[in-house]
Amino acid sequence: MKVILLPAVLLFLGTAAIPLYADPSPEIEKSRIQVAGQLREAMTIRRQMRTIEEQTVKNDPELKKISDDLQEQFKAFRKQVDIKLQANSEYQDLKTRIEKMREDLSQKRERWPKREPPPPRR
């Protein structure tokens, strides 16, 4: 009985999973493309906003002072966190891994030729 039941269960599970891996319908694919376009547009808008914010801070002495103070405070904060986490072996292992990944990616990026950005899609 077990010999027959196991293949039947595997066959059922295998056929049930086929629709999950099938090509998406044209409507779903169109929706994904639209969402990707919206995300790309949102990232572009956010980048433009950030540029304007940076220029505003750069040109306003009061905002510049606040920004500089925040940067100094954040540096002090990071220094304290790093001191507290020196004894945490899990954190140190993760830190080592991420630093190696960054190094590997930067080396790969140096070998890649510079590409021109794609033309805007309409």
PDB file of N, CA and C in Angstrom:
ATOM      1  N   MET A   1       0.822  -1.186   0.000  1.00  0.00           N
ATOM      2  CA  MET A   1       0.000   0.000   0.000  1.00  0.00           C
ATOM      3  C   MET A   1       0.872   1.259   0.000  1.00  0.00           C
ATOM      4  N   LYS A   2       1.917   1.265   0.840  1.00  0.00           N
ATOM      5  CA  LYS A   2       2.809   2.418   0.920  1.00  0.00           C
ATOM      6  C   LYS A   2       3.524   2.638  -0.402  1.00  0.00           C
ATOM      7  N   VAL A   3       3.845   1.557  -1.101  1.00  0.00           N
ATOM      8  CA  VAL A   3       4.569   1.653  -2.356  1.00  0.00           C
ATOM      9  C   VAL A   3       3.728   2.382  -3.399  1.00  0.00           C
ATOM     10  N   ILE A   4       2.428   2.158  -3.417  1.00  0.00           N
ATOM     11  CA  ILE A   4       1.532   2.808  -4.380  1.00  0.00           C
ATOM     12  C   ILE A   4       1.210   4.230  -3.928  1.00  0.00           C
ATOM     13  N   LEU A   5       1.056   4.436  -2.651  1.00  0.00           N
ATOM     14  CA  LEU A   5       0.646   5.736  -2.123  1.00  0.00           C
ATOM     15  C   LEU A   5       1.732   6.798  -2.334  1.00  0.00           C
ATOM     16  N   LEU A   6       2.966   6.461  -2.110  1.00  0.00           N
ATOM     17  CA  LEU A   6       4.050   7.437  -2.250  1.00  0.00           C
ATOM     18  C   LEU A   6       4.159   7.989  -3.675  1.00  0.00           C
ATOM     19  N   PRO A   7       4.217   7.144  -4.709  1.00  0.00           N
ATOM     20  CA  PRO A   7       4.259   7.706  -6.065  1.00  0.00           C
ATOM     21  C   PRO A   7       3.018   8.534  -6.402  1.00  0.00           C
ATOM     22  N   ALA A   8       1.869   8.122  -5.896  1.00  0.00           N
ATOM     23  CA  ALA A   8       0.638   8.877  -6.170  1.00  0.00           C
ATOM     24  C   ALA A   8       0.716  10.270  -5.544  1.00  0.00           C
ATOM     25  N   VAL A   9       1.220  10.348  -4.323  1.00  0.00           N
ATOM     26  CA  VAL A   9       1.351  11.642  -3.653  1.00  0.00           C
ATOM     27  C   VAL A   9       2.370  12.511  -4.389  1.00  0.00           C
ATOM     28  N   LEU A  10       3.495  11.938  -4.765  1.00  0.00           N
ATOM     29  CA  LEU A  10       4.511  12.699  -5.495  1.00  0.00           C
ATOM     30  C   LEU A  10       3.988  13.191  -6.845  1.00  0.00           C
ATOM     31  N   LEU A  11       3.231  12.341  -7.535  1.00  0.00           N
ATOM     32  CA  LEU A  11       2.651  12.742  -8.818  1.00  0.00           C
ATOM     33  C   LEU A  11       1.676  13.893  -8.623  1.00  0.00           C
ATOM     34  N   PHE A  12       0.847  13.795  -7.588  1.00  0.00           N
ATOM     35  CA  PHE A  12      -0.128  14.855  -7.316  1.00  0.00           C
ATOM     36  C   PHE A  12       0.578  16.169  -6.990  1.00  0.00           C
ATOM     37  N   LEU A  13       1.578  16.114  -6.123  1.00  0.00           N
ATOM     38  CA  LEU A  13       2.307  17.326  -5.755  1.00  0.00           C
ATOM     39  C   LEU A  13       3.052  17.912  -6.948  1.00  0.00           C
ATOM     40  N   GLY A  14       3.615  17.056  -7.781  1.00  0.00           N
ATOM     41  CA  GLY A  14       4.336  17.527  -8.955  1.00  0.00           C
ATOM     42  C   GLY A  14       3.415  18.219  -9.942  1.00  0.00           C
ATOM     43  N   THR A  15       2.238  17.652 -10.176  1.00  0.00           N
ATOM     44  CA  THR A  15       1.308  18.287 -11.121  1.00  0.00           C
ATOM     45  C   THR A  15       0.676  19.532 -10.521  1.00  0.00           C
ATOM     46  N   ALA A  16       0.560  19.582  -9.201  1.00  0.00           N
ATOM     47  CA  ALA A  16      -0.005  20.767  -8.561  1.00  0.00           C
ATOM     48  C   ALA A  16       0.963  21.940  -8.636  1.00  0.00           C
ATOM     49  N   ALA A  17       2.251  21.661  -8.711  1.00  0.00           N
ATOM     50  CA  ALA A  17       3.250  22.737  -8.738  1.00  0.00           C
ATOM     51  C   ALA A  17       3.482  23.276 -10.140  1.00  0.00           C
ATOM     52  N   ILE A  18       3.046  22.589 -11.170  1.00  0.00           N
ATOM     53  CA  ILE A  18       3.287  23.028 -12.545  1.00  0.00           C
ATOM     54  C   ILE A  18       2.741  24.435 -12.804  1.00  0.00           C
ATOM     55  N   PRO A  19       1.509  24.771 -12.391  1.00  0.00           N
ATOM     56  CA  PRO A  19       1.029  26.135 -12.651  1.00  0.00           C
ATOM     57  C   PRO A  19       1.863  27.217 -11.963  1.00  0.00           C
ATOM     58  N   LEU A  20       2.530  26.884 -10.872  1.00  0.00           N
ATOM     59  CA  LEU A  20       3.357  27.866 -10.174  1.00  0.00           C
ATOM     60  C   LEU A  20       4.566  28.278 -11.006  1.00  0.00           C
ATOM     61  N   TYR A  21       5.060  27.378 -11.836  1.00  0.00           N
ATOM     62  CA  TYR A  21       6.266  27.650 -12.607  1.00  0.00           C
ATOM     63  C   TYR A  21       5.979  27.915 -14.084  1.00  0.00           C
ATOM     64  N   ALA A  22       4.721  27.919 -14.453  1.00  0.00           N
ATOM     65  CA  ALA A  22       4.358  28.177 -15.843  1.00  0.00           C
ATOM     66  C   ALA A  22       4.610  29.641 -16.175  1.00  0.00           C
ATOM     67  N   ASP A  23       4.724  29.927 -17.457  1.00  0.00           N
ATOM     68  CA  ASP A  23       4.900  31.310 -17.892  1.00  0.00           C
ATOM     69  C   ASP A  23       3.704  32.137 -17.443  1.00  0.00           C
ATOM     70  N   PRO A  24       3.960  33.351 -16.978  1.00  0.00           N
ATOM     71  CA  PRO A  24       2.844  34.183 -16.537  1.00  0.00           C
ATOM     72  C   PRO A  24       1.993  34.612 -17.722  1.00  0.00           C
ATOM     73  N   SER A  25       0.764  34.880 -17.436  1.00  0.00           N
ATOM     74  CA  SER A  25      -0.141  35.326 -18.492  1.00  0.00           C
ATOM     75  C   SER A  25       0.299  36.709 -18.970  1.00  0.00           C
ATOM     76  N   PRO A  26      -0.126  37.111 -20.167  1.00  0.00           N
ATOM     77  CA  PRO A  26       0.253  38.437 -20.671  1.00  0.00           C
ATOM     78  C   PRO A  26      -0.201  39.573 -19.749  1.00  0.00           C
ATOM     79  N   GLU A  27      -1.343  39.406 -19.100  1.00  0.00           N
ATOM     80  CA  GLU A  27      -1.817  40.443 -18.182  1.00  0.00           C
ATOM     81  C   GLU A  27      -0.889  40.588 -16.986  1.00  0.00           C
ATOM     82  N   ILE A  28      -0.463  39.461 -16.442  1.00  0.00           N
ATOM     83  CA  ILE A  28       0.437  39.487 -15.287  1.00  0.00           C
ATOM     84  C   ILE A  28       1.780  40.092 -15.695  1.00  0.00           C
ATOM     85  N   GLU A  29       2.277  39.687 -16.861  1.00  0.00           N
ATOM     86  CA  GLU A  29       3.560  40.216 -17.330  1.00  0.00           C
ATOM     87  C   GLU A  29       3.465  41.723 -17.568  1.00  0.00           C
ATOM     88  N   LYS A  30       2.359  42.179 -18.140  1.00  0.00           N
ATOM     89  CA  LYS A  30       2.151  43.610 -18.379  1.00  0.00           C
ATOM     90  C   LYS A  30       2.101  44.360 -17.053  1.00  0.00           C
ATOM     91  N   SER A  31       1.447  43.761 -16.062  1.00  0.00           N
ATOM     92  CA  SER A  31       1.357  44.377 -14.739  1.00  0.00           C
ATOM     93  C   SER A  31       2.738  44.486 -14.101  1.00  0.00           C
ATOM     94  N   ARG A  32       3.546  43.435 -14.231  1.00  0.00           N
ATOM     95  CA  ARG A  32       4.908  43.457 -13.681  1.00  0.00           C
ATOM     96  C   ARG A  32       5.740  44.549 -14.341  1.00  0.00           C
ATOM     97  N   ILE A  33       5.603  44.682 -15.647  1.00  0.00           N
ATOM     98  CA  ILE A  33       6.351  45.705 -16.373  1.00  0.00           C
ATOM     99  C   ILE A  33       5.927  47.094 -15.919  1.00  0.00           C
ATOM    100  N   GLN A  34       4.615  47.288 -15.716  1.00  0.00           N
ATOM    101  CA  GLN A  34       4.124  48.584 -15.254  1.00  0.00           C
ATOM    102  C   GLN A  34       4.656  48.912 -13.869  1.00  0.00           C
ATOM    103  N   VAL A  35       4.634  47.929 -12.977  1.00  0.00           N
ATOM    104  CA  VAL A  35       5.136  48.142 -11.619  1.00  0.00           C
ATOM    105  C   VAL A  35       6.631  48.456 -11.652  1.00  0.00           C
ATOM    106  N   ALA A  36       7.374  47.731 -12.484  1.00  0.00           N
ATOM    107  CA  ALA A  36       8.818  47.997 -12.597  1.00  0.00           C
ATOM    108  C   ALA A  36       9.053  49.411 -13.116  1.00  0.00           C
ATOM    109  N   GLY A  37       8.248  49.832 -14.069  1.00  0.00           N
ATOM    110  CA  GLY A  37       8.368  51.194 -14.587  1.00  0.00           C
ATOM    111  C   GLY A  37       8.052  52.237 -13.532  1.00  0.00           C
ATOM    112  N   GLN A  38       7.029  51.964 -12.739  1.00  0.00           N
ATOM    113  CA  GLN A  38       6.672  52.892 -11.665  1.00  0.00           C
ATOM    114  C   GLN A  38       7.772  52.967 -10.621  1.00  0.00           C
ATOM    115  N   LEU A  39       8.363  51.826 -10.274  1.00  0.00           N
ATOM    116  CA  LEU A  39       9.466  51.824  -9.308  1.00  0.00           C
ATOM    117  C   LEU A  39      10.670  52.583  -9.847  1.00  0.00           C
ATOM    118  N   ARG A  40      10.968  52.389 -11.126  1.00  0.00           N
ATOM    119  CA  ARG A  40      12.083  53.100 -11.751  1.00  0.00           C
ATOM    120  C   ARG A  40      11.822  54.610 -11.722  1.00  0.00           C
ATOM    121  N   GLU A  41      10.582  54.999 -12.036  1.00  0.00           N
ATOM    122  CA  GLU A  41      10.223  56.419 -12.010  1.00  0.00           C
ATOM    123  C   GLU A  41      10.320  56.978 -10.595  1.00  0.00           C
ATOM    124  N   ALA A  42       9.849  56.204  -9.608  1.00  0.00           N
ATOM    125  CA  ALA A  42       9.915  56.653  -8.213  1.00  0.00           C
ATOM    126  C   ALA A  42      11.370  56.830  -7.775  1.00  0.00           C
ATOM    127  N   MET A  43      12.245  55.920  -8.204  1.00  0.00           N
ATOM    128  CA  MET A  43      13.661  56.047  -7.851  1.00  0.00           C
ATOM    129  C   MET A  43      14.271  57.288  -8.498  1.00  0.00           C
ATOM    130  N   THR A  44      13.899  57.557  -9.730  1.00  0.00           N
ATOM    131  CA  THR A  44      14.400  58.748 -10.418  1.00  0.00           C
ATOM    132  C   THR A  44      13.928  60.011  -9.717  1.00  0.00           C
ATOM    133  N   ILE A  45      12.654  60.047  -9.366  1.00  0.00           N
ATOM    134  CA  ILE A  45      12.096  61.208  -8.665  1.00  0.00           C
ATOM    135  C   ILE A  45      12.799  61.404  -7.331  1.00  0.00           C
ATOM    136  N   ARG A  46      12.989  60.321  -6.597  1.00  0.00           N
ATOM    137  CA  ARG A  46      13.639  60.415  -5.288  1.00  0.00           C
ATOM    138  C   ARG A  46      15.076  60.917  -5.432  1.00  0.00           C
ATOM    139  N   ARG A  47      15.774  60.453  -6.480  1.00  0.00           N
ATOM    140  CA  ARG A  47      17.146  60.904  -6.733  1.00  0.00           C
ATOM    141  C   ARG A  47      17.162  62.408  -7.019  1.00  0.00           C
ATOM    142  N   GLN A  48      16.198  62.886  -7.814  1.00  0.00           N
ATOM    143  CA  GLN A  48      16.111  64.315  -8.120  1.00  0.00           C
ATOM    144  C   GLN A  48      15.805  65.118  -6.857  1.00  0.00           C
ATOM    145  N   MET A  49      14.891  64.592  -6.020  1.00  0.00           N
ATOM    146  CA  MET A  49      14.565  65.277  -4.769  1.00  0.00           C
ATOM    147  C   MET A  49      15.801  65.365  -3.874  1.00  0.00           C
ATOM    148  N   ARG A  50      16.557  64.272  -3.812  1.00  0.00           N
ATOM    149  CA  ARG A  50      17.752  64.238  -2.964  1.00  0.00           C
ATOM    150  C   ARG A  50      18.785  65.265  -3.439  1.00  0.00           C
ATOM    151  N   THR A  51      18.928  65.416  -4.748  1.00  0.00           N
ATOM    152  CA  THR A  51      19.856  66.406  -5.296  1.00  0.00           C
ATOM    153  C   THR A  51      19.435  67.810  -4.877  1.00  0.00           C
ATOM    154  N   ILE A  52      18.145  68.109  -4.966  1.00  0.00           N
ATOM    155  CA  ILE A  52      17.640  69.426  -4.570  1.00  0.00           C
ATOM    156  C   ILE A  52      17.858  69.656  -3.076  1.00  0.00           C
ATOM    157  N   GLU A  53      17.593  68.612  -2.262  1.00  0.00           N
ATOM    158  CA  GLU A  53      17.813  68.725  -0.815  1.00  0.00           C
ATOM    159  C   GLU A  53      19.277  69.026  -0.514  1.00  0.00           C
ATOM    160  N   GLU A  54      20.184  68.309  -1.173  1.00  0.00           N
ATOM    161  CA  GLU A  54      21.615  68.515  -0.932  1.00  0.00           C
ATOM    162  C   GLU A  54      22.038  69.933  -1.295  1.00  0.00           C
ATOM    163  N   GLN A  55      21.538  70.450  -2.418  1.00  0.00           N
ATOM    164  CA  GLN A  55      21.858  71.823  -2.820  1.00  0.00           C
ATOM    165  C   GLN A  55      21.318  72.825  -1.801  1.00  0.00           C
ATOM    166  N   THR A  56      20.109  72.582  -1.308  1.00  0.00           N
ATOM    167  CA  THR A  56      19.499  73.485  -0.328  1.00  0.00           C
ATOM    168  C   THR A  56      20.322  73.509   0.954  1.00  0.00           C
ATOM    169  N   VAL A  57      20.720  72.340   1.425  1.00  0.00           N
ATOM    170  CA  VAL A  57      21.529  72.263   2.646  1.00  0.00           C
ATOM    171  C   VAL A  57      22.877  72.935   2.420  1.00  0.00           C
ATOM    172  N   LYS A  58      23.455  72.705   1.259  1.00  0.00           N
ATOM    173  CA  LYS A  58      24.772  73.283   0.941  1.00  0.00           C
ATOM    174  C   LYS A  58      24.723  74.809   0.926  1.00  0.00           C
ATOM    175  N   ASN A  59      23.625  75.374   0.489  1.00  0.00           N
ATOM    176  CA  ASN A  59      23.504  76.826   0.338  1.00  0.00           C
ATOM    177  C   ASN A  59      22.932  77.543   1.561  1.00  0.00           C
ATOM    178  N   ASP A  60      22.471  76.811   2.553  1.00  0.00           N
ATOM    179  CA  ASP A  60      21.879  77.424   3.749  1.00  0.00           C
ATOM    180  C   ASP A  60      22.791  77.148   4.939  1.00  0.00           C
ATOM    181  N   PRO A  61      23.418  78.193   5.510  1.00  0.00           N
ATOM    182  CA  PRO A  61      24.374  77.979   6.614  1.00  0.00           C
ATOM    183  C   PRO A  61      23.751  77.281   7.829  1.00  0.00           C
ATOM    184  N   GLU A  62      22.522  77.609   8.154  1.00  0.00           N
ATOM    185  CA  GLU A  62      21.876  76.990   9.317  1.00  0.00           C
ATOM    186  C   GLU A  62      21.675  75.490   9.086  1.00  0.00           C
ATOM    187  N   LEU A  63      21.163  75.129   7.905  1.00  0.00           N
ATOM    188  CA  LEU A  63      20.979  73.710   7.591  1.00  0.00           C
ATOM    189  C   LEU A  63      22.318  72.989   7.486  1.00  0.00           C
ATOM    190  N   LYS A  64      23.314  73.661   6.963  1.00  0.00           N
ATOM    191  CA  LYS A  64      24.650  73.071   6.849  1.00  0.00           C
ATOM    192  C   LYS A  64      25.208  72.732   8.227  1.00  0.00           C
ATOM    193  N   LYS A  65      25.029  73.644   9.187  1.00  0.00           N
ATOM    194  CA  LYS A  65      25.512  73.406  10.548  1.00  0.00           C
ATOM    195  C   LYS A  65      24.786  72.226  11.184  1.00  0.00           C
ATOM    196  N   ILE A  66      23.456  72.174  11.015  1.00  0.00           N
ATOM    197  CA  ILE A  66      22.676  71.054  11.560  1.00  0.00           C
ATOM    198  C   ILE A  66      23.138  69.740  10.926  1.00  0.00           C
ATOM    199  N   SER A  67      23.336  69.754   9.623  1.00  0.00           N
ATOM    200  CA  SER A  67      23.778  68.558   8.915  1.00  0.00           C
ATOM    201  C   SER A  67      25.149  68.096   9.414  1.00  0.00           C
ATOM    202  N   ASP A  68      26.073  69.043   9.569  1.00  0.00           N
ATOM    203  CA  ASP A  68      27.412  68.700  10.064  1.00  0.00           C
ATOM    204  C   ASP A  68      27.349  68.133  11.483  1.00  0.00           C
ATOM    205  N   ASP A  69      26.505  68.744  12.336  1.00  0.00           N
ATOM    206  CA  ASP A  69      26.347  68.244  13.703  1.00  0.00           C
ATOM    207  C   ASP A  69      25.799  66.820  13.706  1.00  0.00           C
ATOM    208  N   LEU A  70      24.798  66.568  12.852  1.00  0.00           N
ATOM    209  CA  LEU A  70      24.220  65.222  12.770  1.00  0.00           C
ATOM    210  C   LEU A  70      25.255  64.204  12.299  1.00  0.00           C
ATOM    211  N   GLN A  71      26.069  64.594  11.330  1.00  0.00           N
ATOM    212  CA  GLN A  71      27.101  63.679  10.838  1.00  0.00           C
ATOM    213  C   GLN A  71      28.110  63.352  11.938  1.00  0.00           C
ATOM    214  N   GLU A  72      28.511  64.343  12.699  1.00  0.00           N
ATOM    215  CA  GLU A  72      29.456  64.104  13.796  1.00  0.00           C
ATOM    216  C   GLU A  72      28.833  63.209  14.860  1.00  0.00           C
ATOM    217  N   GLN A  73      27.572  63.465  15.193  1.00  0.00           N
ATOM    218  CA  GLN A  73      26.887  62.626  16.183  1.00  0.00           C
ATOM    219  C   GLN A  73      26.760  61.199  15.692  1.00  0.00           C
ATOM    220  N   PHE A  74      26.465  61.033  14.415  1.00  0.00           N
ATOM    221  CA  PHE A  74      26.331  59.686  13.878  1.00  0.00           C
ATOM    222  C   PHE A  74      27.672  58.955  13.890  1.00  0.00           C
ATOM    223  N   LYS A  75      28.756  59.668  13.579  1.00  0.00           N
ATOM    224  CA  LYS A  75      30.084  59.049  13.652  1.00  0.00           C
ATOM    225  C   LYS A  75      30.391  58.582  15.072  1.00  0.00           C
ATOM    226  N   ALA A  76      30.045  59.414  16.064  1.00  0.00           N
ATOM    227  CA  ALA A  76      30.264  59.045  17.464  1.00  0.00           C
ATOM    228  C   ALA A  76      29.397  57.839  17.835  1.00  0.00           C
ATOM    229  N   PHE A  77      28.167  57.832  17.352  1.00  0.00           N
ATOM    230  CA  PHE A  77      27.258  56.713  17.597  1.00  0.00           C
ATOM    231  C   PHE A  77      27.835  55.430  17.022  1.00  0.00           C
ATOM    232  N   ARG A  78      28.281  55.449  15.739  1.00  0.00           N
ATOM    233  CA  ARG A  78      28.841  54.258  15.100  1.00  0.00           C
ATOM    234  C   ARG A  78      30.072  53.768  15.851  1.00  0.00           C
ATOM    235  N   LYS A  79      30.890  54.710  16.325  1.00  0.00           N
ATOM    236  CA  LYS A  79      32.096  54.335  17.066  1.00  0.00           C
ATOM    237  C   LYS A  79      31.725  53.591  18.345  1.00  0.00           C
ATOM    238  N   GLN A  80      30.718  54.082  19.065  1.00  0.00           N
ATOM    239  CA  GLN A  80      30.272  53.421  20.296  1.00  0.00           C
ATOM    240  C   GLN A  80      29.670  52.049  20.010  1.00  0.00           C
ATOM    241  N   VAL A  81      28.881  51.955  18.960  1.00  0.00           N
ATOM    242  CA  VAL A  81      28.287  50.663  18.595  1.00  0.00           C
ATOM    243  C   VAL A  81      29.387  49.670  18.241  1.00  0.00           C
ATOM    244  N   ASP A  82      30.376  50.107  17.466  1.00  0.00           N
ATOM    245  CA  ASP A  82      31.475  49.220  17.096  1.00  0.00           C
ATOM    246  C   ASP A  82      32.246  48.729  18.320  1.00  0.00           C
ATOM    247  N   ILE A  83      32.446  49.618  19.285  1.00  0.00           N
ATOM    248  CA  ILE A  83      33.144  49.226  20.520  1.00  0.00           C
ATOM    249  C   ILE A  83      32.331  48.174  21.272  1.00  0.00           C
ATOM    250  N   LYS A  84      31.016  48.405  21.374  1.00  0.00           N
ATOM    251  CA  LYS A  84      30.154  47.457  22.104  1.00  0.00           C
ATOM    252  C   LYS A  84      30.083  46.097  21.411  1.00  0.00           C
ATOM    253  N   LEU A  85      30.196  46.091  20.081  1.00  0.00           N
ATOM    254  CA  LEU A  85      30.030  44.841  19.334  1.00  0.00           C
ATOM    255  C   LEU A  85      31.341  44.124  19.033  1.00  0.00           C
ATOM    256  N   GLN A  86      32.458  44.633  19.527  1.00  0.00           N
ATOM    257  CA  GLN A  86      33.735  43.973  19.269  1.00  0.00           C
ATOM    258  C   GLN A  86      33.769  42.559  19.841  1.00  0.00           C
ATOM    259  N   ALA A  87      33.091  42.335  20.950  1.00  0.00           N
ATOM    260  CA  ALA A  87      33.101  41.023  21.585  1.00  0.00           C
ATOM    261  C   ALA A  87      32.043  40.081  21.012  1.00  0.00           C
ATOM    262  N   ASN A  88      31.178  40.571  20.148  1.00  0.00           N
ATOM    263  CA  ASN A  88      30.108  39.755  19.579  1.00  0.00           C
ATOM    264  C   ASN A  88      30.647  39.041  18.342  1.00  0.00           C
ATOM    265  N   SER A  89      30.924  37.748  18.487  1.00  0.00           N
ATOM    266  CA  SER A  89      31.558  37.001  17.394  1.00  0.00           C
ATOM    267  C   SER A  89      30.634  36.867  16.185  1.00  0.00           C
ATOM    268  N   GLU A  90      29.340  36.690  16.410  1.00  0.00           N
ATOM    269  CA  GLU A  90      28.412  36.575  15.281  1.00  0.00           C
ATOM    270  C   GLU A  90      28.432  37.863  14.449  1.00  0.00           C
ATOM    271  N   TYR A  91      28.373  39.008  15.123  1.00  0.00           N
ATOM    272  CA  TYR A  91      28.397  40.292  14.433  1.00  0.00           C
ATOM    273  C   TYR A  91      29.705  40.472  13.671  1.00  0.00           C
ATOM    274  N   GLN A  92      30.815  40.123  14.307  1.00  0.00           N
ATOM    275  CA  GLN A  92      32.117  40.283  13.672  1.00  0.00           C
ATOM    276  C   GLN A  92      32.250  39.386  12.442  1.00  0.00           C
ATOM    277  N   ASP A  93      31.714  38.152  12.521  1.00  0.00           N
ATOM    278  CA  ASP A  93      31.733  37.261  11.355  1.00  0.00           C
ATOM    279  C   ASP A  93      30.924  37.854  10.209  1.00  0.00           C
ATOM    280  N   LEU A  94      29.733  38.365  10.533  1.00  0.00           N
ATOM    281  CA  LEU A  94      28.885  38.971   9.509  1.00  0.00           C
ATOM    282  C   LEU A  94      29.553  40.212   8.913  1.00  0.00           C
ATOM    283  N   LYS A  95      30.190  40.986   9.764  1.00  0.00           N
ATOM    284  CA  LYS A  95      30.886  42.197   9.303  1.00  0.00           C
ATOM    285  C   LYS A  95      32.017  41.828   8.348  1.00  0.00           C
ATOM    286  N   THR A  96      32.764  40.789   8.680  1.00  0.00           N
ATOM    287  CA  THR A  96      33.856  40.327   7.828  1.00  0.00           C
ATOM    288  C   THR A  96      33.310  39.865   6.477  1.00  0.00           C
ATOM    289  N   ARG A  97      32.199  39.114   6.510  1.00  0.00           N
ATOM    290  CA  ARG A  97      31.599  38.634   5.261  1.00  0.00           C
ATOM    291  C   ARG A  97      31.159  39.791   4.372  1.00  0.00           C
ATOM    292  N   ILE A  98      30.491  40.779   4.950  1.00  0.00           N
ATOM    293  CA  ILE A  98      29.974  41.886   4.136  1.00  0.00           C
ATOM    294  C   ILE A  98      31.124  42.727   3.595  1.00  0.00           C
ATOM    295  N   GLU A  99      32.182  42.890   4.366  1.00  0.00           N
ATOM    296  CA  GLU A  99      33.345  43.642   3.883  1.00  0.00           C
ATOM    297  C   GLU A  99      34.007  42.918   2.713  1.00  0.00           C
ATOM    298  N   LYS A 100      34.097  41.589   2.802  1.00  0.00           N
ATOM    299  CA  LYS A 100      34.663  40.810   1.703  1.00  0.00           C
ATOM    300  C   LYS A 100      33.775  40.919   0.468  1.00  0.00           C
ATOM    301  N   MET A 101      32.462  40.863   0.659  1.00  0.00           N
ATOM    302  CA  MET A 101      31.552  40.998  -0.470  1.00  0.00           C
ATOM    303  C   MET A 101      31.699  42.362  -1.134  1.00  0.00           C
ATOM    304  N   ARG A 102      31.809  43.403  -0.337  1.00  0.00           N
ATOM    305  CA  ARG A 102      31.998  44.749  -0.894  1.00  0.00           C
ATOM    306  C   ARG A 102      33.289  44.835  -1.693  1.00  0.00           C
ATOM    307  N   GLU A 103      34.339  44.252  -1.132  1.00  0.00           N
ATOM    308  CA  GLU A 103      35.637  44.267  -1.813  1.00  0.00           C
ATOM    309  C   GLU A 103      35.551  43.522  -3.136  1.00  0.00           C
ATOM    310  N   ASP A 104      34.931  42.345  -3.124  1.00  0.00           N
ATOM    311  CA  ASP A 104      34.791  41.561  -4.356  1.00  0.00           C
ATOM    312  C   ASP A 104      33.971  42.325  -5.394  1.00  0.00           C
ATOM    313  N   LEU A 105      32.886  42.936  -4.962  1.00  0.00           N
ATOM    314  CA  LEU A 105      32.048  43.681  -5.897  1.00  0.00           C
ATOM    315  C   LEU A 105      32.775  44.889  -6.467  1.00  0.00           C
ATOM    316  N   SER A 106      33.542  45.570  -5.634  1.00  0.00           N
ATOM    317  CA  SER A 106      34.263  46.742  -6.149  1.00  0.00           C
ATOM    318  C   SER A 106      35.327  46.318  -7.152  1.00  0.00           C
ATOM    319  N   GLN A 107      35.963  45.170  -6.937  1.00  0.00           N
ATOM    320  CA  GLN A 107      36.950  44.682  -7.895  1.00  0.00           C
ATOM    321  C   GLN A 107      36.272  44.299  -9.210  1.00  0.00           C
ATOM    322  N   LYS A 108      35.113  43.661  -9.130  1.00  0.00           N
ATOM    323  CA  LYS A 108      34.384  43.300 -10.342  1.00  0.00           C
ATOM    324  C   LYS A 108      33.929  44.554 -11.073  1.00  0.00           C
ATOM    325  N   ARG A 109      33.470  45.541 -10.325  1.00  0.00           N
ATOM    326  CA  ARG A 109      32.980  46.771 -10.929  1.00  0.00           C
ATOM    327  C   ARG A 109      34.084  47.493 -11.679  1.00  0.00           C
ATOM    328  N   GLU A 110      35.313  47.423 -11.177  1.00  0.00           N
ATOM    329  CA  GLU A 110      36.446  48.067 -11.847  1.00  0.00           C
ATOM    330  C   GLU A 110      36.749  47.397 -13.182  1.00  0.00           C
ATOM    331  N   ARG A 111      36.484  46.092 -13.270  1.00  0.00           N
ATOM    332  CA  ARG A 111      36.762  45.368 -14.512  1.00  0.00           C
ATOM    333  C   ARG A 111      35.670  45.568 -15.551  1.00  0.00           C
ATOM    334  N   TRP A 112      34.466  45.921 -15.117  1.00  0.00           N
ATOM    335  CA  TRP A 112      33.358  46.102 -16.057  1.00  0.00           C
ATOM    336  C   TRP A 112      33.530  47.402 -16.824  1.00  0.00           C
ATOM    337  N   PRO A 113      33.271  47.385 -18.116  1.00  0.00           N
ATOM    338  CA  PRO A 113      33.345  48.637 -18.870  1.00  0.00           C
ATOM    339  C   PRO A 113      32.177  49.542 -18.488  1.00  0.00           C
ATOM    340  N   LYS A 114      32.417  50.834 -18.553  1.00  0.00           N
ATOM    341  CA  LYS A 114      31.351  51.786 -18.246  1.00  0.00           C
ATOM    342  C   LYS A 114      30.297  51.693 -19.337  1.00  0.00           C
ATOM    343  N   ARG A 115      29.052  51.642 -18.917  1.00  0.00           N
ATOM    344  CA  ARG A 115      27.958  51.583 -19.881  1.00  0.00           C
ATOM    345  C   ARG A 115      27.203  52.894 -19.883  1.00  0.00           C
ATOM    346  N   GLU A 116      26.711  53.226 -21.034  1.00  0.00           N
ATOM    347  CA  GLU A 116      25.853  54.393 -21.142  1.00  0.00           C
ATOM    348  C   GLU A 116      24.487  54.026 -20.574  1.00  0.00           C
ATOM    349  N   PRO A 117      23.831  54.963 -19.876  1.00  0.00           N
ATOM    350  CA  PRO A 117      22.505  54.646 -19.374  1.00  0.00           C
ATOM    351  C   PRO A 117      21.538  54.435 -20.548  1.00  0.00           C
ATOM    352  N   PRO A 118      20.571  53.555 -20.373  1.00  0.00           N
ATOM    353  CA  PRO A 118      19.637  53.304 -21.474  1.00  0.00           C
ATOM    354  C   PRO A 118      18.776  54.539 -21.725  1.00  0.00           C
ATOM    355  N   PRO A 119      18.305  54.708 -22.944  1.00  0.00           N
ATOM    356  CA  PRO A 119      17.442  55.853 -23.229  1.00  0.00           C
ATOM    357  C   PRO A 119      16.132  55.714 -22.465  1.00  0.00           C
ATOM    358  N   PRO A 120      15.481  56.821 -22.122  1.00  0.00           N
ATOM    359  CA  PRO A 120      14.224  56.734 -21.382  1.00  0.00           C
ATOM    360  C   PRO A 120      13.179  55.985 -22.201  1.00  0.00           C
ATOM    361  N   ARG A 121      12.427  55.149 -21.506  1.00  0.00           N
ATOM    362  CA  ARG A 121      11.364  54.382 -22.162  1.00  0.00           C
ATOM    363  C   ARG A 121      10.093  55.189 -22.194  1.00  0.00           C
ATOM    364  N   ARG A 122       9.376  55.065 -23.251  1.00  0.00           N
ATOM    365  CA  ARG A 122       8.102  55.784 -23.366  1.00  0.00           C
ATOM    366  C   ARG A 122       6.982  54.853 -23.665  1.00  0.00           C
TER     367      ARG A 122
END
